[in-house]
Amino acid sequence: MWDRSSAWFDLAVILGVVAVSAGIEHLWWLPTHGISGWTAELHDKYLALVARRSALRSE
């Protein structure tokens, strides 16, 4: 059932990657930028950060 050619294995890997990336974002990246990853406090600061990042991408 869990051999590497199985679609279930592929799904488990994809879900694992998504879970790890969400954990990194909420437990490390957001707090280092002054935003609570649990409650999203400082929403204005978050919006400013997102706007700044999108401005850098559009250049």
Protein backbone atom coordinates (compact mmCIF):
# COMPACT_ATOMS: atom_id res chain seq x y z
CA MET A 1 0.00 0.00 0.00
CA TRP A 2 2.83 2.47 0.76
CA ASP A 3 5.33 1.58 -1.95
CA ARG A 4 6.87 4.50 -3.81
CA SER A 5 4.82 3.93 -6.97
CA SER A 6 1.54 4.28 -5.11
CA ALA A 7 -0.70 7.32 -5.55
CA TRP A 8 -1.36 7.20 -1.78
CA PHE A 9 2.35 7.62 -1.13
CA ASP A 10 2.45 10.61 -3.48
CA LEU A 11 -0.54 12.16 -1.73
CA ALA A 12 1.06 11.62 1.69
CA VAL A 13 4.28 13.29 0.51
CA ILE A 14 2.40 16.27 -0.93
CA LEU A 15 0.34 16.71 2.24
CA GLY A 16 3.49 16.41 4.34
CA VAL A 17 5.25 19.11 2.32
CA VAL A 18 2.22 21.41 2.64
CA ALA A 19 2.01 20.82 6.40
CA VAL A 20 5.73 21.48 6.92
CA SER A 21 5.61 24.68 4.84
CA ALA A 22 2.57 25.96 6.77
CA GLY A 23 4.37 25.16 10.01
CA ILE A 24 7.48 27.02 8.93
CA GLU A 25 5.42 30.04 7.91
CA HIS A 26 3.33 30.16 11.07
CA LEU A 27 5.96 29.15 13.61
CA TRP A 28 9.05 30.91 12.23
CA TRP A 29 8.53 33.37 9.34
CA LEU A 30 5.52 35.32 10.63
CA PRO A 31 6.90 35.74 14.19
CA THR A 32 10.26 36.95 12.85
CA HIS A 33 8.36 39.72 11.05
CA GLY A 34 6.43 40.70 14.18
CA ILE A 35 3.15 38.98 13.31
CA SER A 36 1.50 36.37 15.50
CA GLY A 37 1.15 33.17 13.47
CA TRP A 38 -1.71 32.00 15.65
CA THR A 39 -3.93 35.09 15.91
CA ALA A 40 -2.59 37.20 13.00
CA GLU A 41 -2.30 40.21 15.30
CA LEU A 42 -0.79 43.32 13.80
CA HIS A 43 -2.84 42.82 10.63
CA ASP A 44 -1.86 46.27 9.34
CA LYS A 45 1.81 45.33 9.60
CA TYR A 46 1.07 42.10 7.73
CA LEU A 47 -0.70 43.97 4.92
CA ALA A 48 2.22 46.40 4.66
CA LEU A 49 4.66 43.48 4.44
CA VAL A 50 2.63 41.78 1.71
CA ALA A 51 2.32 45.05 -0.24
CA ARG A 52 6.08 45.60 0.00
CA ARG A 53 6.81 42.07 -1.21
CA SER A 54 4.39 42.39 -4.14
CA ALA A 55 5.96 45.75 -5.06
CA LEU A 56 9.39 44.10 -5.15
CA ARG A 57 8.08 41.33 -7.41
CA SER A 58 6.50 43.79 -9.86
CA GLU A 59 9.80 45.65 -10.42
